[in-house]
N, C-alpha and C. Protein backbone atom coordinates (compact mmCIF):
# COMPACT_ATOMS: atom_id res chain seq x y z
N MET A 1 -120.56 -285.31 -63.32
CA MET A 1 -120.35 -285.30 -64.77
C MET A 1 -119.40 -284.15 -65.11
N SER A 2 -118.58 -284.36 -66.09
CA SER A 2 -117.64 -283.33 -66.54
C SER A 2 -118.36 -282.16 -67.17
N LYS A 3 -117.64 -281.06 -67.32
CA LYS A 3 -118.19 -279.87 -67.98
C LYS A 3 -118.47 -280.20 -69.45
N MET A 4 -119.62 -279.73 -69.95
CA MET A 4 -119.96 -279.96 -71.35
C MET A 4 -119.13 -279.04 -72.24
N VAL A 5 -118.72 -279.57 -73.39
CA VAL A 5 -117.96 -278.81 -74.37
C VAL A 5 -118.72 -278.77 -75.69
N ASN A 6 -118.43 -277.77 -76.50
CA ASN A 6 -119.07 -277.60 -77.81
C ASN A 6 -118.54 -278.66 -78.76
N LEU A 7 -119.42 -279.44 -79.38
CA LEU A 7 -119.03 -280.50 -80.31
C LEU A 7 -119.09 -280.08 -81.77
N LYS A 8 -119.54 -278.84 -82.02
CA LYS A 8 -119.60 -278.37 -83.40
C LYS A 8 -118.19 -278.07 -83.89
N ARG A 9 -117.96 -278.29 -85.19
CA ARG A 9 -116.67 -277.97 -85.79
C ARG A 9 -116.52 -276.45 -85.82
N PRO A 10 -115.36 -275.92 -85.36
CA PRO A 10 -115.18 -274.46 -85.37
C PRO A 10 -115.26 -273.90 -86.79
N LYS A 11 -115.80 -272.70 -86.92
CA LYS A 11 -115.92 -272.09 -88.24
C LYS A 11 -114.56 -271.95 -88.91
N SER A 12 -113.52 -271.72 -88.12
CA SER A 12 -112.18 -271.58 -88.69
C SER A 12 -111.73 -272.86 -89.39
N ASP A 13 -112.20 -274.01 -88.94
CA ASP A 13 -111.86 -275.29 -89.57
C ASP A 13 -112.70 -275.56 -90.81
N ARG A 14 -113.77 -274.80 -90.99
CA ARG A 14 -114.67 -275.04 -92.13
C ARG A 14 -114.36 -274.12 -93.31
N LYS A 15 -113.40 -273.24 -93.15
CA LYS A 15 -113.09 -272.29 -94.23
C LYS A 15 -111.82 -272.72 -94.95
N GLY A 16 -111.75 -272.41 -96.22
CA GLY A 16 -110.57 -272.71 -97.02
C GLY A 16 -110.25 -271.53 -97.91
N ASP A 17 -109.07 -270.95 -97.77
CA ASP A 17 -108.64 -269.79 -98.55
C ASP A 17 -109.66 -268.67 -98.55
N GLY A 18 -110.29 -268.40 -97.43
CA GLY A 18 -111.24 -267.31 -97.32
C GLY A 18 -112.62 -267.64 -97.86
N ALA A 19 -112.78 -268.78 -98.50
CA ALA A 19 -114.09 -269.17 -99.06
C ALA A 19 -114.63 -270.34 -98.24
N GLU A 20 -115.93 -270.34 -98.04
CA GLU A 20 -116.58 -271.42 -97.29
C GLU A 20 -116.50 -272.72 -98.10
N VAL A 21 -116.05 -273.80 -97.47
CA VAL A 21 -116.00 -275.10 -98.15
C VAL A 21 -117.28 -275.86 -97.82
N ALA A 22 -117.52 -276.93 -98.56
CA ALA A 22 -118.73 -277.73 -98.32
C ALA A 22 -118.74 -278.25 -96.89
N ALA A 23 -119.90 -278.26 -96.29
CA ALA A 23 -120.04 -278.72 -94.90
C ALA A 23 -119.79 -280.22 -94.82
N TYR A 24 -119.15 -280.63 -93.77
CA TYR A 24 -118.93 -282.04 -93.49
C TYR A 24 -120.03 -282.52 -92.56
N PRO A 25 -120.35 -283.81 -92.57
CA PRO A 25 -121.44 -284.30 -91.72
C PRO A 25 -121.26 -283.97 -90.24
N GLY A 26 -120.03 -283.90 -89.74
CA GLY A 26 -119.79 -283.63 -88.34
C GLY A 26 -119.73 -282.16 -87.97
N ASP A 27 -119.97 -281.26 -88.95
CA ASP A 27 -119.87 -279.82 -88.69
C ASP A 27 -120.84 -279.35 -87.63
N ASP A 28 -122.02 -279.93 -87.60
CA ASP A 28 -123.08 -279.43 -86.74
C ASP A 28 -123.26 -280.28 -85.48
N GLY A 29 -122.25 -281.03 -85.09
CA GLY A 29 -122.36 -281.85 -83.89
C GLY A 29 -122.26 -283.32 -84.20
N VAL A 30 -122.68 -284.13 -83.24
CA VAL A 30 -122.59 -285.58 -83.34
C VAL A 30 -123.99 -286.16 -83.42
N SER A 31 -124.21 -287.04 -84.37
CA SER A 31 -125.52 -287.65 -84.54
C SER A 31 -125.58 -288.97 -83.77
N VAL A 32 -126.64 -289.15 -82.96
CA VAL A 32 -126.82 -290.36 -82.16
C VAL A 32 -128.17 -290.97 -82.54
N HIS A 33 -128.15 -292.24 -82.94
CA HIS A 33 -129.40 -292.91 -83.31
C HIS A 33 -129.81 -293.82 -82.17
N LEU A 34 -131.05 -293.68 -81.71
CA LEU A 34 -131.59 -294.50 -80.64
C LEU A 34 -132.70 -295.38 -81.19
N ASP A 35 -132.54 -296.69 -81.07
CA ASP A 35 -133.56 -297.63 -81.51
C ASP A 35 -134.67 -297.74 -80.48
N HIS A 36 -135.71 -298.47 -80.81
CA HIS A 36 -136.88 -298.62 -79.96
C HIS A 36 -136.51 -299.07 -78.54
N HIS A 37 -135.65 -300.07 -78.42
CA HIS A 37 -135.30 -300.57 -77.09
C HIS A 37 -134.55 -299.52 -76.27
N HIS A 38 -133.76 -298.67 -76.94
CA HIS A 38 -133.08 -297.58 -76.23
C HIS A 38 -134.10 -296.59 -75.68
N LEU A 39 -135.04 -296.19 -76.55
CA LEU A 39 -136.05 -295.20 -76.14
C LEU A 39 -136.95 -295.75 -75.04
N THR A 40 -137.24 -297.04 -75.12
CA THR A 40 -138.07 -297.67 -74.08
C THR A 40 -137.32 -297.67 -72.74
N LYS A 41 -136.05 -298.05 -72.76
CA LYS A 41 -135.25 -298.07 -71.54
C LYS A 41 -135.11 -296.66 -70.94
N LEU A 42 -135.02 -295.66 -71.81
CA LEU A 42 -134.88 -294.28 -71.35
C LEU A 42 -136.21 -293.69 -70.89
N GLY A 43 -137.31 -294.41 -71.16
CA GLY A 43 -138.62 -293.98 -70.67
C GLY A 43 -139.32 -292.95 -71.51
N VAL A 44 -138.87 -292.74 -72.77
CA VAL A 44 -139.54 -291.74 -73.62
C VAL A 44 -140.40 -292.36 -74.71
N GLY A 45 -140.19 -293.64 -75.04
CA GLY A 45 -141.00 -294.31 -76.04
C GLY A 45 -141.15 -293.50 -77.31
N GLY A 46 -142.39 -293.22 -77.72
CA GLY A 46 -142.64 -292.45 -78.94
C GLY A 46 -142.88 -290.98 -78.70
N ALA A 47 -142.51 -290.49 -77.51
CA ALA A 47 -142.80 -289.10 -77.16
C ALA A 47 -141.88 -288.09 -77.85
N LEU A 48 -140.74 -288.52 -78.40
CA LEU A 48 -139.82 -287.58 -79.05
C LEU A 48 -140.33 -287.20 -80.43
N LYS A 49 -140.35 -285.92 -80.70
CA LYS A 49 -140.76 -285.42 -82.01
C LYS A 49 -139.63 -284.58 -82.59
N SER A 50 -139.50 -284.54 -83.91
CA SER A 50 -138.44 -283.75 -84.56
C SER A 50 -138.48 -282.32 -84.07
N GLY A 51 -137.30 -281.80 -83.72
CA GLY A 51 -137.18 -280.43 -83.24
C GLY A 51 -137.20 -280.30 -81.72
N ASP A 52 -137.61 -281.36 -81.00
CA ASP A 52 -137.63 -281.33 -79.54
C ASP A 52 -136.20 -281.14 -79.01
N LYS A 53 -136.04 -280.40 -77.91
CA LYS A 53 -134.75 -280.24 -77.24
C LYS A 53 -134.58 -281.41 -76.27
N VAL A 54 -133.38 -281.96 -76.19
CA VAL A 54 -133.12 -283.09 -75.31
C VAL A 54 -131.78 -282.92 -74.61
N GLU A 55 -131.59 -283.63 -73.49
CA GLU A 55 -130.31 -283.76 -72.84
C GLU A 55 -130.03 -285.23 -72.67
N PHE A 56 -128.87 -285.66 -73.10
CA PHE A 56 -128.49 -287.06 -73.04
C PHE A 56 -126.99 -287.08 -72.78
N ALA A 57 -126.59 -286.75 -71.57
CA ALA A 57 -125.18 -286.54 -71.27
C ALA A 57 -124.60 -285.63 -72.33
N GLY A 58 -125.46 -284.76 -72.79
CA GLY A 58 -125.11 -283.79 -73.81
C GLY A 58 -126.35 -282.98 -74.12
N ARG A 59 -126.21 -282.04 -75.02
CA ARG A 59 -127.35 -281.19 -75.37
C ARG A 59 -127.43 -281.11 -76.89
N GLY A 60 -128.65 -281.21 -77.43
CA GLY A 60 -128.83 -281.16 -78.87
C GLY A 60 -130.30 -281.10 -79.22
N HIS A 61 -130.65 -281.61 -80.41
CA HIS A 61 -132.06 -281.64 -80.82
C HIS A 61 -132.35 -282.93 -81.57
N VAL A 62 -133.64 -283.30 -81.60
CA VAL A 62 -134.07 -284.49 -82.33
C VAL A 62 -134.05 -284.14 -83.81
N GLU A 63 -133.23 -284.87 -84.56
CA GLU A 63 -133.08 -284.62 -85.99
C GLU A 63 -134.12 -285.38 -86.80
N HIS A 64 -134.45 -286.59 -86.35
CA HIS A 64 -135.41 -287.43 -87.07
C HIS A 64 -136.10 -288.35 -86.06
N SER A 65 -137.38 -288.51 -86.20
CA SER A 65 -138.15 -289.39 -85.33
C SER A 65 -139.10 -290.19 -86.21
N SER A 66 -139.20 -291.50 -85.94
CA SER A 66 -140.14 -292.29 -86.75
C SER A 66 -140.81 -293.35 -85.89
N THR A 67 -141.98 -293.75 -86.35
CA THR A 67 -142.76 -294.80 -85.72
C THR A 67 -143.23 -295.75 -86.81
N THR A 68 -143.00 -297.04 -86.59
CA THR A 68 -143.50 -298.06 -87.51
C THR A 68 -144.37 -299.02 -86.72
N THR A 69 -145.29 -299.66 -87.41
CA THR A 69 -146.16 -300.63 -86.76
C THR A 69 -145.94 -301.98 -87.41
N ASP A 70 -145.74 -302.98 -86.58
CA ASP A 70 -145.62 -304.34 -87.08
C ASP A 70 -146.45 -305.27 -86.19
N LYS A 71 -146.26 -306.56 -86.34
CA LYS A 71 -147.07 -307.52 -85.58
C LYS A 71 -146.89 -307.38 -84.07
N ASP A 72 -145.77 -306.81 -83.64
CA ASP A 72 -145.50 -306.63 -82.21
C ASP A 72 -146.00 -305.28 -81.68
N GLY A 73 -146.58 -304.46 -82.55
CA GLY A 73 -147.07 -303.15 -82.14
C GLY A 73 -146.21 -302.04 -82.69
N GLU A 74 -146.31 -300.87 -82.06
CA GLU A 74 -145.54 -299.72 -82.52
C GLU A 74 -144.08 -299.84 -82.10
N ARG A 75 -143.19 -299.43 -83.01
CA ARG A 75 -141.75 -299.40 -82.75
C ARG A 75 -141.28 -297.99 -83.08
N HIS A 76 -140.57 -297.38 -82.15
CA HIS A 76 -140.12 -296.00 -82.32
C HIS A 76 -138.61 -295.95 -82.46
N SER A 77 -138.11 -294.95 -83.17
CA SER A 77 -136.68 -294.69 -83.25
C SER A 77 -136.49 -293.18 -83.40
N ALA A 78 -135.30 -292.72 -83.08
CA ALA A 78 -135.00 -291.29 -83.20
C ALA A 78 -133.51 -291.11 -83.42
N THR A 79 -133.15 -290.07 -84.15
CA THR A 79 -131.77 -289.67 -84.32
C THR A 79 -131.63 -288.30 -83.68
N ILE A 80 -130.66 -288.18 -82.78
CA ILE A 80 -130.43 -286.93 -82.06
C ILE A 80 -129.08 -286.38 -82.48
N ARG A 81 -129.02 -285.09 -82.76
CA ARG A 81 -127.76 -284.42 -83.09
C ARG A 81 -127.31 -283.67 -81.84
N LEU A 82 -126.21 -284.14 -81.23
CA LEU A 82 -125.67 -283.50 -80.04
C LEU A 82 -124.76 -282.35 -80.44
N HIS A 83 -124.97 -281.19 -79.82
CA HIS A 83 -124.15 -280.01 -80.08
C HIS A 83 -123.12 -279.81 -78.98
N LYS A 84 -123.45 -280.24 -77.79
CA LYS A 84 -122.54 -280.14 -76.65
C LYS A 84 -122.54 -281.47 -75.93
N GLY A 85 -121.42 -281.84 -75.34
CA GLY A 85 -121.38 -283.11 -74.64
C GLY A 85 -120.32 -283.16 -73.57
N ALA A 86 -120.46 -284.11 -72.70
CA ALA A 86 -119.50 -284.36 -71.63
C ALA A 86 -119.37 -285.86 -71.46
N ILE A 87 -118.22 -286.28 -70.99
CA ILE A 87 -118.01 -287.71 -70.80
C ILE A 87 -117.14 -287.93 -69.58
N GLU A 88 -117.45 -288.98 -68.86
CA GLU A 88 -116.61 -289.44 -67.77
C GLU A 88 -116.25 -290.88 -68.07
N HIS A 89 -115.04 -291.21 -67.84
CA HIS A 89 -114.59 -292.57 -68.14
C HIS A 89 -114.54 -293.36 -66.85
N GLU A 90 -115.52 -294.19 -66.63
CA GLU A 90 -115.64 -294.95 -65.39
C GLU A 90 -114.49 -295.93 -65.21
N ALA A 91 -113.99 -296.49 -66.31
CA ALA A 91 -112.90 -297.46 -66.20
C ALA A 91 -111.67 -296.81 -65.58
N ALA A 92 -111.39 -295.57 -65.92
CA ALA A 92 -110.23 -294.87 -65.37
C ALA A 92 -110.39 -294.72 -63.86
N LYS A 93 -111.58 -294.39 -63.40
CA LYS A 93 -111.82 -294.28 -61.96
C LYS A 93 -111.64 -295.64 -61.29
N GLU A 94 -112.13 -296.69 -61.92
CA GLU A 94 -112.02 -298.03 -61.35
C GLU A 94 -110.56 -298.46 -61.28
N GLU A 95 -109.77 -298.15 -62.32
CA GLU A 95 -108.35 -298.49 -62.31
C GLU A 95 -107.64 -297.75 -61.18
N ALA A 96 -107.94 -296.47 -61.00
CA ALA A 96 -107.33 -295.69 -59.93
C ALA A 96 -107.70 -296.26 -58.57
N ARG A 97 -108.95 -296.68 -58.42
CA ARG A 97 -109.42 -297.28 -57.18
C ARG A 97 -108.65 -298.57 -56.89
N GLU A 98 -108.45 -299.40 -57.93
CA GLU A 98 -107.71 -300.65 -57.76
C GLU A 98 -106.25 -300.39 -57.38
N GLU A 99 -105.63 -299.35 -57.98
CA GLU A 99 -104.26 -298.99 -57.64
C GLU A 99 -104.18 -298.57 -56.17
N LEU A 100 -105.15 -297.77 -55.72
CA LEU A 100 -105.16 -297.35 -54.32
C LEU A 100 -105.32 -298.54 -53.38
N LYS A 101 -106.18 -299.48 -53.75
CA LYS A 101 -106.36 -300.68 -52.93
C LYS A 101 -105.05 -301.45 -52.83
N GLY A 102 -104.32 -301.56 -53.95
CA GLY A 102 -103.04 -302.24 -53.97
C GLY A 102 -102.02 -301.56 -53.06
N GLU A 103 -101.97 -300.23 -53.11
CA GLU A 103 -101.05 -299.49 -52.26
C GLU A 103 -101.42 -299.65 -50.79
N LEU A 104 -102.70 -299.61 -50.49
CA LEU A 104 -103.14 -299.80 -49.11
C LEU A 104 -102.73 -301.19 -48.60
N ALA A 105 -102.91 -302.19 -49.45
CA ALA A 105 -102.55 -303.56 -49.05
C ALA A 105 -101.05 -303.66 -48.79
N LYS A 106 -100.22 -303.04 -49.65
CA LYS A 106 -98.77 -303.05 -49.46
C LYS A 106 -98.40 -302.37 -48.15
N ASN A 107 -98.98 -301.19 -47.91
CA ASN A 107 -98.70 -300.45 -46.68
C ASN A 107 -99.13 -301.24 -45.44
N TYR A 108 -100.28 -301.90 -45.52
CA TYR A 108 -100.77 -302.71 -44.42
C TYR A 108 -99.82 -303.85 -44.14
N ASP A 109 -99.37 -304.54 -45.21
CA ASP A 109 -98.45 -305.65 -45.05
C ASP A 109 -97.11 -305.17 -44.47
N ALA A 110 -96.63 -304.03 -44.95
CA ALA A 110 -95.35 -303.48 -44.45
C ALA A 110 -95.48 -303.12 -42.97
N ALA A 111 -96.60 -302.51 -42.59
CA ALA A 111 -96.81 -302.14 -41.20
C ALA A 111 -96.97 -303.39 -40.32
N ASP A 112 -97.54 -304.43 -40.87
CA ASP A 112 -97.77 -305.67 -40.15
C ASP A 112 -96.45 -306.39 -39.86
N LYS A 113 -95.48 -306.25 -40.78
CA LYS A 113 -94.17 -306.91 -40.63
C LYS A 113 -93.30 -306.20 -39.61
N LYS A 114 -93.55 -304.93 -39.33
CA LYS A 114 -92.74 -304.17 -38.35
C LYS A 114 -93.01 -304.54 -36.98
């Protein structure tokens, strides 16, 4: 995984003419909402409570957690505010791998013709 970077808006971007401007929703990081099926797949179900620290290819805190009950039983959801994050783009790796395979095939064919 790549190195995690700070996702909070820098204080210098939040100031205007020396006076603090109104905060924007993205100032404090990135908000991620996980529905019941996400939490179930991740194996946490209803265990997340507001204020809990979490890591999810990033670092942040649970901003909101709720549980509802319906005919199918309890359903959980949570919103997490990520303060730091990292990302790897798998498609880029796959494209590079395919390019290398193509070059190997060309080299093999060229060597075969000699």
